[in-house]
Amino acid sequence: METSSTPPNPRIVEDVFKDYSGRHAGIVRALTTDVDDFYSLCDPEKENLCLYGHPSESWEVTLPAEEVPPELPKPALGINFARNGMKKQD
């Protein structure tokens, strides 16, 4: 479980922006700085992996949550569909 100063259900614009900014930074870091770690976690044997950015600017690759709270959009499934036919440099 991660710790963050952002409340679980942000209520004011500043909290929403802080939550979004942290999650965005985590996803950008996964796709740029930590690309080798990200690539190694995209296991072609597992289906429907999702990349999650957290408010603490961290990220993880895992299976989608069984129940997504109604206030959050459902994650896009299948970040590794094209991985089998791609080279690491792509």
N, C-alpha and C. Protein backbone atom coordinates (compact mmCIF):
# COMPACT_ATOMS: atom_id res chain seq x y z
N MET A 1 0.85 -1.18 0.00
CA MET A 1 0.00 0.00 0.00
C MET A 1 0.88 1.23 0.00
N GLU A 2 0.53 2.20 -0.75
CA GLU A 2 1.33 3.42 -0.85
C GLU A 2 0.81 4.47 0.11
N THR A 3 1.69 5.38 0.46
CA THR A 3 1.26 6.50 1.29
C THR A 3 1.35 7.76 0.46
N SER A 4 0.35 8.60 0.61
CA SER A 4 0.31 9.83 -0.16
C SER A 4 -0.43 10.87 0.65
N SER A 5 -0.07 12.14 0.42
CA SER A 5 -0.74 13.21 1.13
C SER A 5 -2.05 13.59 0.45
N THR A 6 -2.34 13.02 -0.71
CA THR A 6 -3.58 13.31 -1.41
C THR A 6 -4.69 12.46 -0.80
N PRO A 7 -5.83 13.07 -0.46
CA PRO A 7 -6.93 12.29 0.11
C PRO A 7 -7.42 11.24 -0.89
N PRO A 8 -8.00 10.13 -0.40
CA PRO A 8 -8.46 9.08 -1.31
C PRO A 8 -9.53 9.57 -2.30
N ASN A 9 -10.39 10.45 -1.88
CA ASN A 9 -11.40 11.04 -2.77
C ASN A 9 -11.19 12.55 -2.78
N PRO A 10 -10.35 13.03 -3.72
CA PRO A 10 -10.06 14.47 -3.74
C PRO A 10 -11.34 15.28 -3.91
N ARG A 11 -11.45 16.35 -3.13
CA ARG A 11 -12.68 17.14 -3.13
C ARG A 11 -12.49 18.54 -3.70
N ILE A 12 -11.27 19.04 -3.70
CA ILE A 12 -11.05 20.39 -4.22
C ILE A 12 -10.14 20.31 -5.43
N VAL A 13 -10.15 21.35 -6.22
CA VAL A 13 -9.40 21.36 -7.48
C VAL A 13 -7.93 21.09 -7.25
N GLU A 14 -7.35 21.65 -6.22
CA GLU A 14 -5.93 21.46 -5.95
C GLU A 14 -5.61 19.99 -5.67
N ASP A 15 -6.49 19.29 -4.94
CA ASP A 15 -6.27 17.87 -4.65
C ASP A 15 -6.40 17.03 -5.92
N VAL A 16 -7.37 17.35 -6.76
CA VAL A 16 -7.54 16.62 -8.02
C VAL A 16 -6.31 16.83 -8.90
N PHE A 17 -5.83 18.06 -8.98
CA PHE A 17 -4.66 18.34 -9.80
C PHE A 17 -3.42 17.64 -9.26
N LYS A 18 -3.25 17.63 -7.94
CA LYS A 18 -2.10 16.95 -7.32
C LYS A 18 -2.16 15.45 -7.60
N ASP A 19 -3.34 14.86 -7.48
CA ASP A 19 -3.53 13.44 -7.77
C ASP A 19 -3.20 13.14 -9.23
N TYR A 20 -3.76 13.93 -10.14
CA TYR A 20 -3.52 13.75 -11.57
C TYR A 20 -2.04 13.93 -11.90
N SER A 21 -1.43 14.98 -11.38
CA SER A 21 -0.02 15.27 -11.68
C SER A 21 0.88 14.13 -11.22
N GLY A 22 0.63 13.60 -10.03
CA GLY A 22 1.43 12.48 -9.53
C GLY A 22 1.27 11.24 -10.38
N ARG A 23 0.02 10.92 -10.74
CA ARG A 23 -0.23 9.74 -11.58
C ARG A 23 0.40 9.92 -12.97
N HIS A 24 0.25 11.10 -13.53
CA HIS A 24 0.83 11.39 -14.84
C HIS A 24 2.35 11.25 -14.80
N ALA A 25 2.97 11.81 -13.77
CA ALA A 25 4.43 11.72 -13.64
C ALA A 25 4.88 10.27 -13.51
N GLY A 26 4.12 9.46 -12.79
CA GLY A 26 4.47 8.05 -12.65
C GLY A 26 4.41 7.31 -13.97
N ILE A 27 3.37 7.56 -14.75
CA ILE A 27 3.24 6.89 -16.05
C ILE A 27 4.33 7.36 -17.01
N VAL A 28 4.61 8.65 -17.03
CA VAL A 28 5.67 9.18 -17.89
C VAL A 28 7.01 8.57 -17.50
N ARG A 29 7.28 8.45 -16.20
CA ARG A 29 8.54 7.86 -15.75
C ARG A 29 8.63 6.40 -16.16
N ALA A 30 7.51 5.66 -16.07
CA ALA A 30 7.51 4.25 -16.48
C ALA A 30 7.85 4.11 -17.95
N LEU A 31 7.37 5.03 -18.77
CA LEU A 31 7.56 4.94 -20.22
C LEU A 31 8.84 5.59 -20.72
N THR A 32 9.57 6.28 -19.85
CA THR A 32 10.81 6.95 -20.26
C THR A 32 11.98 6.48 -19.41
N THR A 33 12.10 6.97 -18.22
CA THR A 33 13.25 6.67 -17.36
C THR A 33 13.32 5.20 -16.97
N ASP A 34 12.20 4.62 -16.59
CA ASP A 34 12.17 3.23 -16.11
C ASP A 34 11.73 2.25 -17.19
N VAL A 35 12.01 2.57 -18.45
CA VAL A 35 11.50 1.76 -19.55
C VAL A 35 12.00 0.32 -19.49
N ASP A 36 13.22 0.07 -19.03
CA ASP A 36 13.72 -1.30 -18.94
C ASP A 36 12.93 -2.10 -17.90
N ASP A 37 12.66 -1.48 -16.76
CA ASP A 37 11.84 -2.15 -15.74
C ASP A 37 10.43 -2.40 -16.26
N PHE A 38 9.86 -1.40 -16.92
CA PHE A 38 8.52 -1.52 -17.48
C PHE A 38 8.46 -2.66 -18.50
N TYR A 39 9.44 -2.71 -19.39
CA TYR A 39 9.48 -3.74 -20.43
C TYR A 39 9.56 -5.14 -19.81
N SER A 40 10.37 -5.27 -18.75
CA SER A 40 10.53 -6.58 -18.13
C SER A 40 9.26 -7.04 -17.41
N LEU A 41 8.43 -6.10 -16.97
CA LEU A 41 7.19 -6.46 -16.27
C LEU A 41 6.04 -6.78 -17.22
N CYS A 42 6.17 -6.44 -18.50
CA CYS A 42 5.12 -6.73 -19.48
C CYS A 42 5.28 -8.15 -19.98
N ASP A 43 4.82 -9.09 -19.20
CA ASP A 43 4.96 -10.51 -19.48
C ASP A 43 3.93 -10.94 -20.53
N PRO A 44 4.40 -11.43 -21.69
CA PRO A 44 3.45 -11.84 -22.73
C PRO A 44 2.57 -13.02 -22.31
N GLU A 45 2.97 -13.76 -21.27
CA GLU A 45 2.18 -14.89 -20.80
C GLU A 45 0.93 -14.43 -20.04
N LYS A 46 0.95 -13.21 -19.54
CA LYS A 46 -0.19 -12.68 -18.79
C LYS A 46 -1.02 -11.81 -19.72
N GLU A 47 -2.32 -11.96 -19.65
CA GLU A 47 -3.20 -11.16 -20.50
C GLU A 47 -3.74 -9.98 -19.71
N ASN A 48 -4.06 -8.92 -20.43
CA ASN A 48 -4.75 -7.75 -19.88
C ASN A 48 -3.99 -7.04 -18.76
N LEU A 49 -2.68 -6.93 -18.89
CA LEU A 49 -1.93 -6.16 -17.90
C LEU A 49 -2.24 -4.68 -18.05
N CYS A 50 -2.19 -3.96 -16.94
CA CYS A 50 -2.47 -2.52 -16.95
C CYS A 50 -1.32 -1.78 -16.28
N LEU A 51 -1.02 -0.61 -16.80
CA LEU A 51 -0.03 0.28 -16.19
C LEU A 51 -0.79 1.29 -15.35
N TYR A 52 -0.48 1.31 -14.05
CA TYR A 52 -1.13 2.23 -13.12
C TYR A 52 -0.12 3.25 -12.63
N GLY A 53 -0.48 4.51 -12.69
CA GLY A 53 0.30 5.57 -12.07
C GLY A 53 -0.33 5.91 -10.74
N HIS A 54 0.49 6.13 -9.72
CA HIS A 54 0.00 6.44 -8.39
C HIS A 54 0.25 7.91 -8.06
N PRO A 55 -0.53 8.49 -7.16
CA PRO A 55 -0.35 9.90 -6.79
C PRO A 55 1.04 10.22 -6.25
N SER A 56 1.75 9.20 -5.77
CA SER A 56 3.10 9.40 -5.23
C SER A 56 4.16 9.40 -6.32
N GLU A 57 3.75 9.45 -7.58
CA GLU A 57 4.63 9.42 -8.76
C GLU A 57 5.29 8.07 -8.97
N SER A 58 4.79 7.04 -8.32
CA SER A 58 5.27 5.68 -8.56
C SER A 58 4.32 5.03 -9.58
N TRP A 59 4.67 3.83 -10.02
CA TRP A 59 3.86 3.14 -11.01
C TRP A 59 3.96 1.65 -10.78
N GLU A 60 3.04 0.91 -11.37
CA GLU A 60 3.09 -0.55 -11.31
C GLU A 60 2.36 -1.13 -12.51
N VAL A 61 2.79 -2.33 -12.88
CA VAL A 61 2.13 -3.09 -13.93
C VAL A 61 1.50 -4.29 -13.24
N THR A 62 0.21 -4.41 -13.38
CA THR A 62 -0.51 -5.50 -12.72
C THR A 62 -1.80 -5.79 -13.47
N LEU A 63 -2.45 -6.85 -13.07
CA LEU A 63 -3.75 -7.17 -13.65
C LEU A 63 -4.76 -6.12 -13.22
N PRO A 64 -5.79 -5.90 -14.00
CA PRO A 64 -6.78 -4.88 -13.63
C PRO A 64 -7.50 -5.25 -12.34
N ALA A 65 -7.91 -4.23 -11.62
CA ALA A 65 -8.67 -4.44 -10.39
C ALA A 65 -10.01 -5.08 -10.74
N GLU A 66 -10.47 -5.96 -9.87
CA GLU A 66 -11.76 -6.60 -10.09
C GLU A 66 -12.89 -5.58 -10.09
N GLU A 67 -12.86 -4.70 -9.14
CA GLU A 67 -13.90 -3.67 -9.03
C GLU A 67 -13.24 -2.31 -9.05
N VAL A 68 -13.58 -1.52 -10.03
CA VAL A 68 -13.08 -0.15 -10.12
C VAL A 68 -14.16 0.75 -9.52
N PRO A 69 -13.77 1.62 -8.58
CA PRO A 69 -14.78 2.52 -8.02
C PRO A 69 -15.49 3.30 -9.13
N PRO A 70 -16.78 3.56 -8.98
CA PRO A 70 -17.54 4.20 -10.06
C PRO A 70 -17.05 5.60 -10.41
N GLU A 71 -16.35 6.28 -9.50
CA GLU A 71 -15.88 7.63 -9.81
C GLU A 71 -14.59 7.63 -10.64
N LEU A 72 -13.98 6.45 -10.81
CA LEU A 72 -12.76 6.35 -11.61
C LEU A 72 -13.06 5.66 -12.93
N PRO A 73 -12.44 6.09 -14.03
CA PRO A 73 -12.66 5.40 -15.30
C PRO A 73 -11.98 4.03 -15.27
N LYS A 74 -12.53 3.09 -16.00
CA LYS A 74 -11.92 1.77 -16.06
C LYS A 74 -10.63 1.86 -16.87
N PRO A 75 -9.60 1.11 -16.46
CA PRO A 75 -8.33 1.15 -17.20
C PRO A 75 -8.47 0.47 -18.56
N ALA A 76 -7.68 0.93 -19.50
CA ALA A 76 -7.64 0.29 -20.81
C ALA A 76 -6.90 -1.03 -20.68
N LEU A 77 -7.47 -2.08 -21.21
CA LEU A 77 -6.88 -3.40 -21.07
C LEU A 77 -5.89 -3.67 -22.20
N GLY A 78 -4.87 -4.46 -21.88
CA GLY A 78 -4.01 -4.99 -22.90
C GLY A 78 -2.86 -4.13 -23.34
N ILE A 79 -2.04 -3.65 -22.41
CA ILE A 79 -0.89 -2.85 -22.81
C ILE A 79 0.15 -3.70 -23.52
N ASN A 80 0.03 -5.02 -23.42
CA ASN A 80 1.04 -5.87 -24.03
C ASN A 80 0.53 -6.63 -25.26
N PHE A 81 -0.59 -6.20 -25.86
CA PHE A 81 -1.08 -6.90 -27.03
C PHE A 81 -0.07 -6.88 -28.17
N ALA A 82 0.56 -5.74 -28.40
CA ALA A 82 1.49 -5.61 -29.52
C ALA A 82 2.91 -5.99 -29.14
N ARG A 83 3.17 -6.28 -27.89
CA ARG A 83 4.54 -6.52 -27.42
C ARG A 83 5.16 -7.73 -28.09
N ASN A 84 4.41 -8.78 -28.35
CA ASN A 84 4.97 -10.00 -28.91
C ASN A 84 5.63 -9.76 -30.26
N GLY A 85 5.12 -8.84 -31.06
CA GLY A 85 5.67 -8.59 -32.38
C GLY A 85 6.59 -7.39 -32.44
N MET A 86 6.95 -6.82 -31.30
CA MET A 86 7.77 -5.61 -31.29
C MET A 86 9.18 -5.89 -30.78
N LYS A 87 10.11 -5.11 -31.27
CA LYS A 87 11.46 -5.13 -30.72
C LYS A 87 11.50 -4.19 -29.53
N LYS A 88 12.44 -4.40 -28.63
CA LYS A 88 12.53 -3.59 -27.43
C LYS A 88 12.73 -2.11 -27.76
N GLN A 89 13.43 -1.79 -28.84
CA GLN A 89 13.70 -0.41 -29.21
C GLN A 89 12.45 0.32 -29.67
N ASP A 90 11.43 -0.41 -30.11
CA ASP A 90 10.20 0.21 -30.60
C ASP A 90 9.43 0.77 -29.43
